């Protein structure tokens, strides 16, 4: 697939078809992740592919995801938020447990931090985190090229999830990627429409003309 077409196709999907994913597609997508730039040239990233249902349930328990979500309570919690952002959260939060449990594939992306987030004093200290997210975006774009879709879930309890998976203490989890083929009735929340002209500044903030 042509690169810009893959960029346009890449969307967040939380509703998956039951179809299994060929291992070759997953390996190609993860291999694309390993081609991403990294601040120290070491590519200190690993992937844990979790297919075991009991292990997924243990992750969900470690993350303390609720059994069910009260939509009215969520409506109140996001009252006053941007309309499109609110619509995304109201669609996403009730599906978190289901997508982690039922997605055909679940990839846990692990990295070695430059500095622990709690000990970071500035953006420079987060170079390891920035690098691994370049890796994740490569994976997402490669998935789109393979007609696969998914969603990143940033763990709320990395210590608990690391314990479930036996991940060494000195490493960290950047995200979980639930992925598979898009369900026919998958809901795709609207995104805010922006143009490059809205976001491009020349030489100084607010200067729209070159």
N, C-alpha and C. Protein backbone atom coordinates (compact mmCIF):
# COMPACT_ATOMS: atom_id res chain seq x y z
N UNK A 1 0.84 -1.19 0.00
CA UNK A 1 0.00 0.00 0.00
C UNK A 1 0.88 1.25 0.00
N UNK A 2 0.49 2.25 -0.77
CA UNK A 2 1.23 3.50 -0.80
C UNK A 2 1.20 4.15 0.57
N UNK A 3 2.31 4.77 0.98
CA UNK A 3 2.48 5.25 2.35
C UNK A 3 1.37 6.18 2.79
N UNK A 4 1.07 7.18 2.00
CA UNK A 4 0.08 8.17 2.43
C UNK A 4 -1.32 7.57 2.53
N UNK A 5 -1.57 6.53 1.76
CA UNK A 5 -2.85 5.83 1.88
C UNK A 5 -2.93 5.11 3.22
N UNK A 6 -1.83 4.51 3.66
CA UNK A 6 -1.80 3.84 4.97
C UNK A 6 -2.01 4.86 6.08
N UNK A 7 -1.42 6.04 5.95
CA UNK A 7 -1.62 7.09 6.96
C UNK A 7 -3.09 7.47 7.05
N UNK A 8 -3.75 7.60 5.88
CA UNK A 8 -5.17 7.98 5.87
C UNK A 8 -6.05 6.86 6.43
N UNK A 9 -5.66 5.62 6.21
CA UNK A 9 -6.48 4.48 6.66
C UNK A 9 -6.33 4.20 8.15
N UNK A 10 -5.22 4.61 8.74
CA UNK A 10 -4.97 4.28 10.14
C UNK A 10 -6.00 4.98 11.03
N UNK A 11 -6.83 4.19 11.68
CA UNK A 11 -7.84 4.71 12.61
C UNK A 11 -7.90 3.81 13.83
N UNK A 12 -8.38 4.40 14.92
CA UNK A 12 -8.55 3.64 16.15
C UNK A 12 -9.86 2.85 16.08
N UNK A 13 -9.76 1.54 16.31
CA UNK A 13 -10.92 0.66 16.27
C UNK A 13 -10.96 -0.15 17.57
N UNK A 14 -12.13 -0.19 18.19
CA UNK A 14 -12.30 -0.95 19.44
C UNK A 14 -13.26 -2.12 19.29
N UNK A 15 -13.81 -2.29 18.08
CA UNK A 15 -14.76 -3.36 17.80
C UNK A 15 -14.16 -4.26 16.73
N UNK A 16 -13.92 -5.52 17.08
CA UNK A 16 -13.16 -6.41 16.20
C UNK A 16 -14.01 -7.55 15.65
N UNK A 17 -13.70 -7.94 14.43
CA UNK A 17 -14.27 -9.16 13.87
C UNK A 17 -13.63 -10.37 14.56
N UNK A 18 -14.28 -11.51 14.45
CA UNK A 18 -13.77 -12.72 15.11
C UNK A 18 -12.62 -13.37 14.34
N UNK A 19 -12.35 -12.89 13.15
CA UNK A 19 -11.33 -13.51 12.30
C UNK A 19 -9.96 -13.51 12.96
N UNK A 20 -9.25 -14.62 12.81
CA UNK A 20 -7.88 -14.70 13.32
C UNK A 20 -6.94 -13.94 12.38
N UNK A 21 -5.80 -13.56 12.92
CA UNK A 21 -4.83 -12.80 12.15
C UNK A 21 -3.64 -13.70 11.84
N UNK A 22 -3.22 -13.73 10.59
CA UNK A 22 -2.08 -14.55 10.20
C UNK A 22 -0.82 -14.05 10.92
N UNK A 23 -0.03 -14.97 11.48
CA UNK A 23 1.19 -14.56 12.19
C UNK A 23 2.11 -13.68 11.37
N UNK A 24 2.19 -13.93 10.07
CA UNK A 24 3.07 -13.13 9.22
C UNK A 24 2.73 -11.65 9.25
N UNK A 25 1.43 -11.34 9.32
CA UNK A 25 1.01 -9.93 9.36
C UNK A 25 1.46 -9.27 10.66
N UNK A 26 1.32 -10.00 11.75
CA UNK A 26 1.74 -9.46 13.04
C UNK A 26 3.24 -9.26 13.06
N UNK A 27 3.98 -10.23 12.57
CA UNK A 27 5.43 -10.13 12.58
C UNK A 27 5.92 -8.98 11.70
N UNK A 28 5.26 -8.76 10.55
CA UNK A 28 5.65 -7.64 9.69
C UNK A 28 5.39 -6.30 10.38
N UNK A 29 4.25 -6.20 11.06
CA UNK A 29 3.93 -4.95 11.75
C UNK A 29 4.90 -4.68 12.89
N UNK A 30 5.22 -5.71 13.67
CA UNK A 30 6.16 -5.52 14.77
C UNK A 30 7.57 -5.25 14.23
N UNK A 31 7.90 -5.89 13.12
CA UNK A 31 9.19 -5.61 12.48
C UNK A 31 9.30 -4.17 12.03
N UNK A 32 8.18 -3.62 11.54
CA UNK A 32 8.17 -2.21 11.15
C UNK A 32 8.41 -1.33 12.37
N UNK A 33 7.87 -1.75 13.51
CA UNK A 33 8.11 -1.00 14.74
C UNK A 33 9.59 -0.91 15.06
N UNK A 34 10.29 -1.99 14.82
CA UNK A 34 11.73 -2.02 15.12
C UNK A 34 12.55 -1.17 14.17
N UNK A 35 11.94 -0.64 13.13
CA UNK A 35 12.63 0.25 12.20
C UNK A 35 12.51 1.71 12.62
N UNK A 36 11.81 1.99 13.69
CA UNK A 36 11.60 3.37 14.13
C UNK A 36 12.89 3.98 14.68
N UNK A 37 13.00 5.31 14.65
CA UNK A 37 14.17 5.97 15.23
C UNK A 37 14.18 5.84 16.75
N UNK A 38 15.36 5.87 17.33
CA UNK A 38 15.50 5.77 18.77
C UNK A 38 16.62 6.67 19.24
N UNK A 39 16.46 7.27 20.40
CA UNK A 39 17.39 8.31 20.85
C UNK A 39 18.81 7.79 21.07
N UNK A 40 18.98 6.51 21.41
CA UNK A 40 20.32 5.99 21.70
C UNK A 40 20.77 4.91 20.72
N UNK A 41 19.98 4.69 19.66
CA UNK A 41 20.30 3.72 18.60
C UNK A 41 20.27 2.27 19.09
N UNK A 42 19.76 2.01 20.28
CA UNK A 42 19.78 0.65 20.83
C UNK A 42 18.45 -0.09 20.63
N UNK A 43 17.39 0.64 20.31
CA UNK A 43 16.06 0.03 20.12
C UNK A 43 15.74 -0.92 21.28
N UNK A 44 15.66 -0.35 22.45
CA UNK A 44 15.44 -1.14 23.67
C UNK A 44 13.96 -1.39 23.88
N UNK A 45 13.37 -2.09 22.92
CA UNK A 45 11.95 -2.39 22.92
C UNK A 45 11.74 -3.90 22.80
N UNK A 46 10.73 -4.39 23.47
CA UNK A 46 10.33 -5.79 23.34
C UNK A 46 8.81 -5.84 23.27
N UNK A 47 8.30 -6.97 22.79
CA UNK A 47 6.86 -7.14 22.64
C UNK A 47 6.44 -8.45 23.32
N UNK A 48 5.37 -8.38 24.08
CA UNK A 48 4.78 -9.59 24.66
C UNK A 48 3.44 -9.80 23.98
N UNK A 49 3.32 -10.90 23.25
CA UNK A 49 2.07 -11.22 22.56
C UNK A 49 1.24 -12.08 23.49
N UNK A 50 0.10 -11.56 23.92
CA UNK A 50 -0.73 -12.23 24.94
C UNK A 50 -1.99 -12.79 24.28
N UNK A 51 -2.04 -14.10 24.17
CA UNK A 51 -3.23 -14.76 23.61
C UNK A 51 -4.00 -15.53 24.67
N UNK A 52 -3.36 -15.86 25.75
CA UNK A 52 -3.98 -16.66 26.81
C UNK A 52 -5.06 -15.85 27.52
N UNK A 53 -6.28 -16.40 27.55
CA UNK A 53 -7.42 -15.67 28.13
C UNK A 53 -7.21 -15.41 29.62
N UNK A 54 -6.69 -16.38 30.34
CA UNK A 54 -6.50 -16.21 31.78
C UNK A 54 -5.51 -15.09 32.06
N UNK A 55 -4.48 -14.99 31.24
CA UNK A 55 -3.50 -13.91 31.42
C UNK A 55 -4.13 -12.56 31.11
N UNK A 56 -4.95 -12.52 30.08
CA UNK A 56 -5.64 -11.26 29.77
C UNK A 56 -6.57 -10.86 30.92
N UNK A 57 -7.27 -11.83 31.49
CA UNK A 57 -8.14 -11.52 32.62
C UNK A 57 -7.34 -10.99 33.81
N UNK A 58 -6.15 -11.56 34.01
CA UNK A 58 -5.30 -11.10 35.11
C UNK A 58 -4.84 -9.66 34.86
N UNK A 59 -4.55 -9.32 33.60
CA UNK A 59 -4.18 -7.94 33.27
C UNK A 59 -5.34 -7.00 33.56
N UNK A 60 -6.54 -7.39 33.14
CA UNK A 60 -7.73 -6.57 33.37
C UNK A 60 -7.95 -6.36 34.86
N UNK A 61 -7.73 -7.42 35.64
CA UNK A 61 -7.88 -7.30 37.09
C UNK A 61 -6.81 -6.38 37.67
N UNK A 62 -5.56 -6.51 37.18
CA UNK A 62 -4.48 -5.64 37.66
C UNK A 62 -4.76 -4.18 37.31
N UNK A 63 -5.38 -3.96 36.16
CA UNK A 63 -5.70 -2.60 35.72
C UNK A 63 -6.94 -2.05 36.42
N UNK A 64 -7.63 -2.91 37.16
CA UNK A 64 -8.84 -2.50 37.90
C UNK A 64 -9.90 -1.89 36.99
N UNK A 65 -10.05 -2.51 35.81
CA UNK A 65 -11.10 -2.06 34.91
C UNK A 65 -12.46 -2.49 35.45
N UNK A 66 -13.44 -1.62 35.40
CA UNK A 66 -14.74 -1.92 36.00
C UNK A 66 -15.50 -3.01 35.24
N UNK A 67 -16.35 -3.72 35.96
CA UNK A 67 -17.19 -4.73 35.32
C UNK A 67 -18.14 -4.10 34.33
N UNK A 68 -18.65 -2.94 34.66
CA UNK A 68 -19.57 -2.23 33.78
C UNK A 68 -19.40 -0.73 34.02
N UNK A 69 -19.81 0.06 33.04
CA UNK A 69 -19.71 1.51 33.15
C UNK A 69 -21.10 2.11 33.16
N UNK A 70 -21.32 3.03 34.08
CA UNK A 70 -22.58 3.75 34.15
C UNK A 70 -22.50 4.92 33.18
N UNK A 71 -23.26 4.84 32.09
CA UNK A 71 -23.19 5.85 31.04
C UNK A 71 -23.60 7.22 31.57
N UNK A 72 -24.63 7.24 32.41
CA UNK A 72 -25.08 8.52 32.94
C UNK A 72 -23.99 9.16 33.81
N UNK A 73 -23.28 8.32 34.57
CA UNK A 73 -22.19 8.82 35.39
C UNK A 73 -21.06 9.35 34.51
N UNK A 74 -20.77 8.64 33.41
CA UNK A 74 -19.75 9.11 32.48
C UNK A 74 -20.18 10.44 31.84
N UNK A 75 -21.44 10.54 31.49
CA UNK A 75 -21.95 11.79 30.91
C UNK A 75 -21.69 12.96 31.85
N UNK A 76 -21.93 12.75 33.13
CA UNK A 76 -21.71 13.82 34.10
C UNK A 76 -20.22 14.12 34.24
N UNK A 77 -19.39 13.07 34.22
CA UNK A 77 -17.95 13.25 34.41
C UNK A 77 -17.34 14.08 33.28
N UNK A 78 -17.88 13.92 32.06
CA UNK A 78 -17.31 14.63 30.92
C UNK A 78 -18.14 15.84 30.49
N UNK A 79 -19.04 16.27 31.36
CA UNK A 79 -19.82 17.46 31.07
C UNK A 79 -18.88 18.66 30.94
N UNK A 80 -19.06 19.44 29.91
CA UNK A 80 -18.20 20.60 29.71
C UNK A 80 -17.00 20.33 28.82
N UNK A 81 -16.71 19.05 28.52
CA UNK A 81 -15.60 18.71 27.62
C UNK A 81 -15.98 19.05 26.18
N UNK A 82 -14.98 19.17 25.33
CA UNK A 82 -15.21 19.32 23.90
C UNK A 82 -16.13 18.19 23.43
N UNK A 83 -17.07 18.54 22.56
CA UNK A 83 -18.09 17.57 22.14
C UNK A 83 -17.49 16.32 21.51
N UNK A 84 -16.51 16.49 20.63
CA UNK A 84 -15.92 15.34 19.97
C UNK A 84 -15.09 14.50 20.96
N UNK A 85 -14.37 15.16 21.85
CA UNK A 85 -13.59 14.43 22.85
C UNK A 85 -14.52 13.65 23.77
N UNK A 86 -15.61 14.27 24.16
CA UNK A 86 -16.59 13.60 25.02
C UNK A 86 -17.16 12.37 24.33
N UNK A 87 -17.50 12.50 23.05
CA UNK A 87 -18.04 11.36 22.30
C UNK A 87 -17.05 10.22 22.24
N UNK A 88 -15.75 10.54 22.09
CA UNK A 88 -14.73 9.50 22.04
C UNK A 88 -14.65 8.76 23.37
N UNK A 89 -14.63 9.50 24.48
CA UNK A 89 -14.52 8.87 25.79
C UNK A 89 -15.76 8.02 26.12
N UNK A 90 -16.93 8.52 25.76
CA UNK A 90 -18.15 7.77 26.04
C UNK A 90 -18.21 6.48 25.23
N UNK A 91 -17.56 6.47 24.07
CA UNK A 91 -17.48 5.25 23.27
C UNK A 91 -16.37 4.34 23.78
N UNK A 92 -15.24 4.92 24.20
CA UNK A 92 -14.04 4.14 24.52
C UNK A 92 -14.10 3.47 25.88
N UNK A 93 -14.46 4.22 26.90
CA UNK A 93 -14.32 3.70 28.27
C UNK A 93 -15.15 2.44 28.51
N UNK A 94 -16.41 2.39 28.08
CA UNK A 94 -17.18 1.15 28.31
C UNK A 94 -16.63 -0.07 27.57
N UNK A 95 -15.77 0.14 26.56
CA UNK A 95 -15.27 -0.97 25.75
C UNK A 95 -13.89 -1.46 26.17
N UNK A 96 -13.26 -0.80 27.15
CA UNK A 96 -11.87 -1.12 27.45
C UNK A 96 -11.68 -2.57 27.88
N UNK A 97 -12.50 -3.03 28.79
CA UNK A 97 -12.34 -4.41 29.27
C UNK A 97 -12.60 -5.40 28.15
N UNK A 98 -13.66 -5.18 27.38
CA UNK A 98 -14.02 -6.12 26.31
C UNK A 98 -12.94 -6.19 25.24
N UNK A 99 -12.41 -5.03 24.85
CA UNK A 99 -11.43 -5.05 23.76
C UNK A 99 -10.14 -5.75 24.17
N UNK A 100 -9.72 -5.56 25.44
CA UNK A 100 -8.51 -6.23 25.90
C UNK A 100 -8.71 -7.73 26.01
N UNK A 101 -9.92 -8.14 26.27
CA UNK A 101 -10.20 -9.56 26.45
C UNK A 101 -10.49 -10.27 25.14
N UNK A 102 -11.15 -9.61 24.20
CA UNK A 102 -11.66 -10.30 23.02
C UNK A 102 -10.92 -9.98 21.72
N UNK A 103 -10.04 -8.97 21.70
CA UNK A 103 -9.31 -8.67 20.47
C UNK A 103 -8.54 -9.91 20.03
N UNK A 104 -8.51 -10.20 18.74
CA UNK A 104 -7.78 -11.39 18.28
C UNK A 104 -6.33 -11.42 18.74
N UNK A 105 -5.71 -10.24 18.84
CA UNK A 105 -4.31 -10.17 19.28
C UNK A 105 -4.16 -9.04 20.29
N UNK A 106 -3.29 -9.27 21.27
CA UNK A 106 -2.98 -8.24 22.25
C UNK A 106 -1.46 -8.18 22.40
N UNK A 107 -0.89 -7.03 22.04
CA UNK A 107 0.56 -6.84 22.10
C UNK A 107 0.88 -5.86 23.23
N UNK A 108 1.78 -6.27 24.11
CA UNK A 108 2.25 -5.39 25.18
C UNK A 108 3.62 -4.88 24.76
N UNK A 109 3.75 -3.56 24.64
CA UNK A 109 4.99 -2.94 24.18
C UNK A 109 5.81 -2.51 25.40
N UNK A 110 7.01 -3.08 25.52
CA UNK A 110 7.88 -2.86 26.67
C UNK A 110 9.11 -2.08 26.23
N UNK A 111 9.58 -1.18 27.09
CA UNK A 111 10.78 -0.40 26.75
C UNK A 111 11.63 -0.16 27.99
N UNK A 112 12.88 0.23 27.75
CA UNK A 112 13.78 0.58 28.84
C UNK A 112 13.78 2.11 28.96
N UNK A 113 13.28 2.66 30.05
CA UNK A 113 13.24 4.12 30.17
C UNK A 113 14.62 4.72 30.37
N UNK A 114 14.81 5.93 29.84
CA UNK A 114 16.06 6.66 30.08
C UNK A 114 16.12 7.08 31.54
N UNK A 115 15.00 7.60 32.02
CA UNK A 115 14.83 8.01 33.41
C UNK A 115 13.41 7.64 33.81
N UNK A 116 13.23 7.15 34.99
CA UNK A 116 11.86 6.84 35.43
C UNK A 116 11.01 8.11 35.40
N UNK A 117 9.77 7.95 34.95
CA UNK A 117 8.89 9.10 34.78
C UNK A 117 8.78 9.89 36.08
N UNK A 118 8.69 9.21 37.21
CA UNK A 118 8.55 9.89 38.49
C UNK A 118 9.81 10.65 38.89
N UNK A 119 10.93 10.33 38.25
CA UNK A 119 12.19 11.00 38.56
C UNK A 119 12.61 11.98 37.47
N UNK A 120 11.80 12.14 36.44
CA UNK A 120 12.15 13.00 35.32
C UNK A 120 12.04 14.47 35.71
N UNK A 121 12.99 15.25 35.23
CA UNK A 121 12.97 16.69 35.53
C UNK A 121 12.65 17.52 34.29
N UNK A 122 12.55 16.88 33.14
CA UNK A 122 12.23 17.61 31.92
C UNK A 122 11.97 16.68 30.77
N UNK A 123 11.62 17.25 29.63
CA UNK A 123 11.27 16.45 28.46
C UNK A 123 12.44 15.59 28.01
N UNK A 124 13.66 16.10 28.14
CA UNK A 124 14.84 15.34 27.70
C UNK A 124 14.91 13.99 28.39
N UNK A 125 14.51 13.93 29.66
CA UNK A 125 14.56 12.68 30.41
C UNK A 125 13.60 11.63 29.86
N UNK A 126 12.63 12.07 29.04
CA UNK A 126 11.61 11.16 28.51
C UNK A 126 11.93 10.68 27.10
N UNK A 127 13.21 10.79 26.70
CA UNK A 127 13.59 10.36 25.36
C UNK A 127 13.25 8.89 25.10
N UNK A 128 13.40 8.04 26.11
CA UNK A 128 13.07 6.64 25.93
C UNK A 128 11.60 6.44 25.62
N UNK A 129 10.74 7.18 26.31
CA UNK A 129 9.30 7.09 26.07
C UNK A 129 8.95 7.64 24.69
N UNK A 130 9.58 8.75 24.31
CA UNK A 130 9.33 9.33 22.98
C UNK A 130 9.71 8.34 21.89
N UNK A 131 10.85 7.66 22.07
CA UNK A 131 11.31 6.71 21.06
C UNK A 131 10.37 5.54 20.89
N UNK A 132 9.89 4.99 22.02
CA UNK A 132 9.03 3.82 21.92
C UNK A 132 7.69 4.18 21.27
N UNK A 133 7.25 5.42 21.41
CA UNK A 133 6.01 5.80 20.74
C UNK A 133 6.21 5.99 19.24
N UNK A 134 7.44 6.29 18.81
CA UNK A 134 7.74 6.23 17.37
C UNK A 134 7.59 4.79 16.88
N UNK A 135 8.08 3.85 17.69
CA UNK A 135 7.95 2.43 17.38
C UNK A 135 6.47 2.05 17.27
N UNK A 136 5.67 2.50 18.23
CA UNK A 136 4.24 2.16 18.24
C UNK A 136 3.53 2.72 17.01
N UNK A 137 3.85 3.94 16.63
CA UNK A 137 3.19 4.51 15.45
C UNK A 137 3.58 3.75 14.19
N UNK A 138 4.83 3.32 14.09
CA UNK A 138 5.21 2.48 12.95
C UNK A 138 4.36 1.21 12.90
N UNK A 139 4.14 0.60 14.06
CA UNK A 139 3.32 -0.61 14.13
C UNK A 139 1.90 -0.32 13.66
N UNK A 140 1.33 0.79 14.11
CA UNK A 140 -0.04 1.13 13.74
C UNK A 140 -0.17 1.39 12.24
N UNK A 141 0.81 2.06 11.66
CA UNK A 141 0.78 2.31 10.22
C UNK A 141 0.95 1.02 9.43
N UNK A 142 1.85 0.15 9.91
CA UNK A 142 2.02 -1.14 9.24
C UNK A 142 0.75 -1.98 9.35
N UNK A 143 0.06 -1.91 10.48
CA UNK A 143 -1.21 -2.61 10.63
C UNK A 143 -2.21 -2.13 9.58
N UNK A 144 -2.28 -0.82 9.38
CA UNK A 144 -3.21 -0.28 8.39
C UNK A 144 -2.88 -0.81 7.00
N UNK A 145 -1.59 -0.92 6.71
CA UNK A 145 -1.18 -1.46 5.40
C UNK A 145 -1.57 -2.92 5.25
N UNK A 146 -1.72 -3.63 6.38
CA UNK A 146 -2.12 -5.04 6.38
C UNK A 146 -3.63 -5.21 6.55
N UNK A 147 -4.38 -4.08 6.49
CA UNK A 147 -5.83 -4.08 6.69
C UNK A 147 -6.19 -4.50 8.11
N UNK A 148 -5.31 -4.22 9.05
CA UNK A 148 -5.56 -4.47 10.46
C UNK A 148 -5.77 -3.14 11.18
N UNK A 149 -6.54 -3.20 12.26
CA UNK A 149 -6.83 -1.98 13.01
C UNK A 149 -6.75 -2.32 14.50
N UNK A 150 -6.69 -1.28 15.29
CA UNK A 150 -6.59 -1.54 16.72
C UNK A 150 -6.63 -0.27 17.52
N UNK A 151 -6.21 -0.41 18.78
CA UNK A 151 -6.28 0.71 19.70
C UNK A 151 -5.15 0.56 20.71
N UNK A 152 -4.56 1.68 21.09
CA UNK A 152 -3.55 1.66 22.14
C UNK A 152 -4.23 1.93 23.48
N UNK A 153 -3.83 1.16 24.47
CA UNK A 153 -4.32 1.36 25.83
C UNK A 153 -3.10 1.60 26.71
N UNK A 154 -3.02 2.77 27.32
CA UNK A 154 -1.91 3.09 28.21
C UNK A 154 -2.28 2.59 29.60
N UNK A 155 -1.49 1.68 30.15
CA UNK A 155 -1.87 1.05 31.43
C UNK A 155 -1.92 2.05 32.57
N UNK A 156 -2.88 1.84 33.46
CA UNK A 156 -3.02 2.67 34.65
C UNK A 156 -2.21 2.12 35.82
N UNK A 157 -1.93 0.83 35.76
CA UNK A 157 -1.21 0.17 36.85
C UNK A 157 -0.08 -0.67 36.25
N UNK A 158 1.00 0.01 35.82
CA UNK A 158 2.06 -0.73 35.15
C UNK A 158 2.72 -1.74 36.08
N UNK A 159 2.82 -1.42 37.36
CA UNK A 159 3.46 -2.36 38.29
C UNK A 159 2.67 -3.67 38.34
N UNK A 160 1.34 -3.57 38.44
CA UNK A 160 0.52 -4.77 38.50
C UNK A 160 0.58 -5.58 37.22
N UNK A 161 0.50 -4.90 36.07
CA UNK A 161 0.53 -5.59 34.79
C UNK A 161 1.90 -6.20 34.53
N UNK A 162 2.96 -5.51 34.94
CA UNK A 162 4.31 -6.07 34.82
C UNK A 162 4.43 -7.34 35.65
N UNK A 163 3.82 -7.34 36.84
CA UNK A 163 3.85 -8.53 37.68
C UNK A 163 3.15 -9.71 37.03
N UNK A 164 2.02 -9.45 36.39
CA UNK A 164 1.29 -10.52 35.70
C UNK A 164 2.15 -11.15 34.62
N UNK A 165 2.90 -10.32 33.89
CA UNK A 165 3.66 -10.80 32.73
C UNK A 165 5.11 -11.14 33.05
N UNK A 166 5.54 -10.90 34.29
CA UNK A 166 6.92 -11.21 34.66
C UNK A 166 7.94 -10.28 34.02
N UNK A 167 7.56 -9.05 33.76
CA UNK A 167 8.46 -8.08 33.13
C UNK A 167 9.43 -7.55 34.18
N UNK A 168 10.74 -7.52 33.89
CA UNK A 168 11.73 -7.06 34.87
C UNK A 168 11.43 -5.65 35.38
N UNK A 169 11.79 -5.40 36.62
CA UNK A 169 11.49 -4.15 37.30
C UNK A 169 12.05 -2.94 36.55
N UNK A 170 13.26 -3.08 35.96
CA UNK A 170 13.91 -1.93 35.34
C UNK A 170 13.29 -1.53 34.00
N UNK A 171 12.39 -2.36 33.47
CA UNK A 171 11.72 -2.05 32.22
C UNK A 171 10.33 -1.48 32.51
N UNK A 172 9.71 -0.92 31.47
CA UNK A 172 8.40 -0.31 31.64
C UNK A 172 7.49 -0.66 30.48
N UNK A 173 6.20 -0.56 30.69
CA UNK A 173 5.22 -0.78 29.63
C UNK A 173 4.79 0.57 29.07
N UNK A 174 4.92 0.72 27.75
CA UNK A 174 4.48 1.95 27.10
C UNK A 174 2.99 1.90 26.78
N UNK A 175 2.52 0.76 26.27
CA UNK A 175 1.12 0.64 25.88
C UNK A 175 0.79 -0.82 25.59
N UNK A 176 -0.48 -1.10 25.62
CA UNK A 176 -1.01 -2.36 25.11
C UNK A 176 -1.72 -2.04 23.80
N UNK A 177 -1.52 -2.88 22.79
CA UNK A 177 -2.20 -2.68 21.51
C UNK A 177 -3.14 -3.85 21.27
N UNK A 178 -4.44 -3.59 21.32
CA UNK A 178 -5.44 -4.59 20.94
C UNK A 178 -5.66 -4.44 19.45
N UNK A 179 -5.56 -5.55 18.70
CA UNK A 179 -5.63 -5.41 17.24
C UNK A 179 -6.33 -6.59 16.60
N UNK A 180 -6.79 -6.36 15.40
CA UNK A 180 -7.46 -7.40 14.62
C UNK A 180 -8.10 -6.77 13.40
N UNK A 181 -9.03 -7.50 12.80
CA UNK A 181 -9.78 -6.96 11.68
C UNK A 181 -10.99 -6.18 12.21
N UNK A 182 -11.32 -5.14 11.52
CA UNK A 182 -12.42 -4.28 11.94
C UNK A 182 -13.76 -4.98 11.79
N UNK A 183 -14.59 -4.93 12.83
CA UNK A 183 -15.94 -5.47 12.75
C UNK A 183 -16.77 -4.64 11.78
N UNK A 184 -17.72 -5.28 11.11
CA UNK A 184 -18.53 -4.57 10.13
C UNK A 184 -19.29 -3.41 10.75
N UNK A 185 -19.71 -3.57 12.03
CA UNK A 185 -20.47 -2.53 12.68
C UNK A 185 -19.62 -1.69 13.63
N UNK A 186 -18.30 -1.72 13.44
CA UNK A 186 -17.41 -0.97 14.32
C UNK A 186 -17.73 0.52 14.27
N UNK A 187 -17.78 1.11 15.44
CA UNK A 187 -18.04 2.54 15.51
C UNK A 187 -16.71 3.29 15.44
N UNK A 188 -16.66 4.31 14.59
CA UNK A 188 -15.46 5.13 14.47
C UNK A 188 -15.86 6.55 14.87
N UNK A 189 -15.54 6.98 16.10
CA UNK A 189 -15.92 8.33 16.54
C UNK A 189 -15.33 9.39 15.63
N UNK A 190 -16.05 10.47 15.46
CA UNK A 190 -15.59 11.57 14.63
C UNK A 190 -14.37 12.22 15.25
N UNK A 191 -13.48 12.67 14.38
CA UNK A 191 -12.32 13.42 14.83
C UNK A 191 -12.49 14.89 14.47
N UNK A 192 -11.81 15.74 15.22
CA UNK A 192 -11.87 17.16 14.92
C UNK A 192 -11.15 17.42 13.61
N UNK A 193 -11.80 18.15 12.71
CA UNK A 193 -11.18 18.46 11.44
C UNK A 193 -10.18 19.60 11.58
N UNK A 194 -8.96 19.37 11.19
CA UNK A 194 -7.95 20.42 11.22
C UNK A 194 -7.22 20.43 9.88
N UNK A 195 -6.61 21.55 9.57
CA UNK A 195 -5.80 21.66 8.37
C UNK A 195 -4.38 22.05 8.78
N UNK A 196 -3.44 21.82 7.90
CA UNK A 196 -2.07 22.21 8.19
C UNK A 196 -1.99 23.71 8.43
N UNK A 197 -2.79 24.48 7.70
CA UNK A 197 -2.78 25.93 7.88
C UNK A 197 -3.17 26.33 9.30
N UNK A 198 -4.02 25.50 9.94
CA UNK A 198 -4.42 25.77 11.32
C UNK A 198 -3.28 25.57 12.30
N UNK A 199 -2.33 24.72 11.95
CA UNK A 199 -1.32 24.27 12.90
C UNK A 199 0.10 24.73 12.58
N UNK A 200 0.32 25.37 11.42
CA UNK A 200 1.67 25.70 10.99
C UNK A 200 2.00 27.15 11.34
N UNK A 201 3.11 27.32 12.07
CA UNK A 201 3.60 28.65 12.44
C UNK A 201 4.98 28.83 11.79
N UNK A 202 5.29 30.05 11.37
CA UNK A 202 6.57 30.31 10.70
C UNK A 202 7.43 31.21 11.58
N UNK A 203 8.57 30.68 11.99
CA UNK A 203 9.60 31.42 12.72
C UNK A 203 9.21 31.82 14.14
N UNK A 204 7.93 32.02 14.41
CA UNK A 204 7.48 32.35 15.77
C UNK A 204 6.02 31.97 15.92
N UNK A 205 5.62 31.72 17.14
CA UNK A 205 4.24 31.30 17.42
C UNK A 205 3.27 32.37 16.95
N UNK A 206 2.23 31.91 16.23
CA UNK A 206 1.20 32.83 15.78
C UNK A 206 1.45 33.47 14.44
N UNK A 207 2.66 33.31 13.89
CA UNK A 207 2.96 33.88 12.59
C UNK A 207 2.56 32.89 11.52
N UNK A 208 1.48 33.18 10.81
CA UNK A 208 0.92 32.24 9.83
C UNK A 208 1.49 32.45 8.43
N UNK A 209 2.25 33.47 8.22
CA UNK A 209 2.76 33.74 6.89
C UNK A 209 4.28 33.55 6.87
N UNK A 210 4.78 32.90 5.83
CA UNK A 210 6.22 32.68 5.71
C UNK A 210 6.91 33.89 5.12
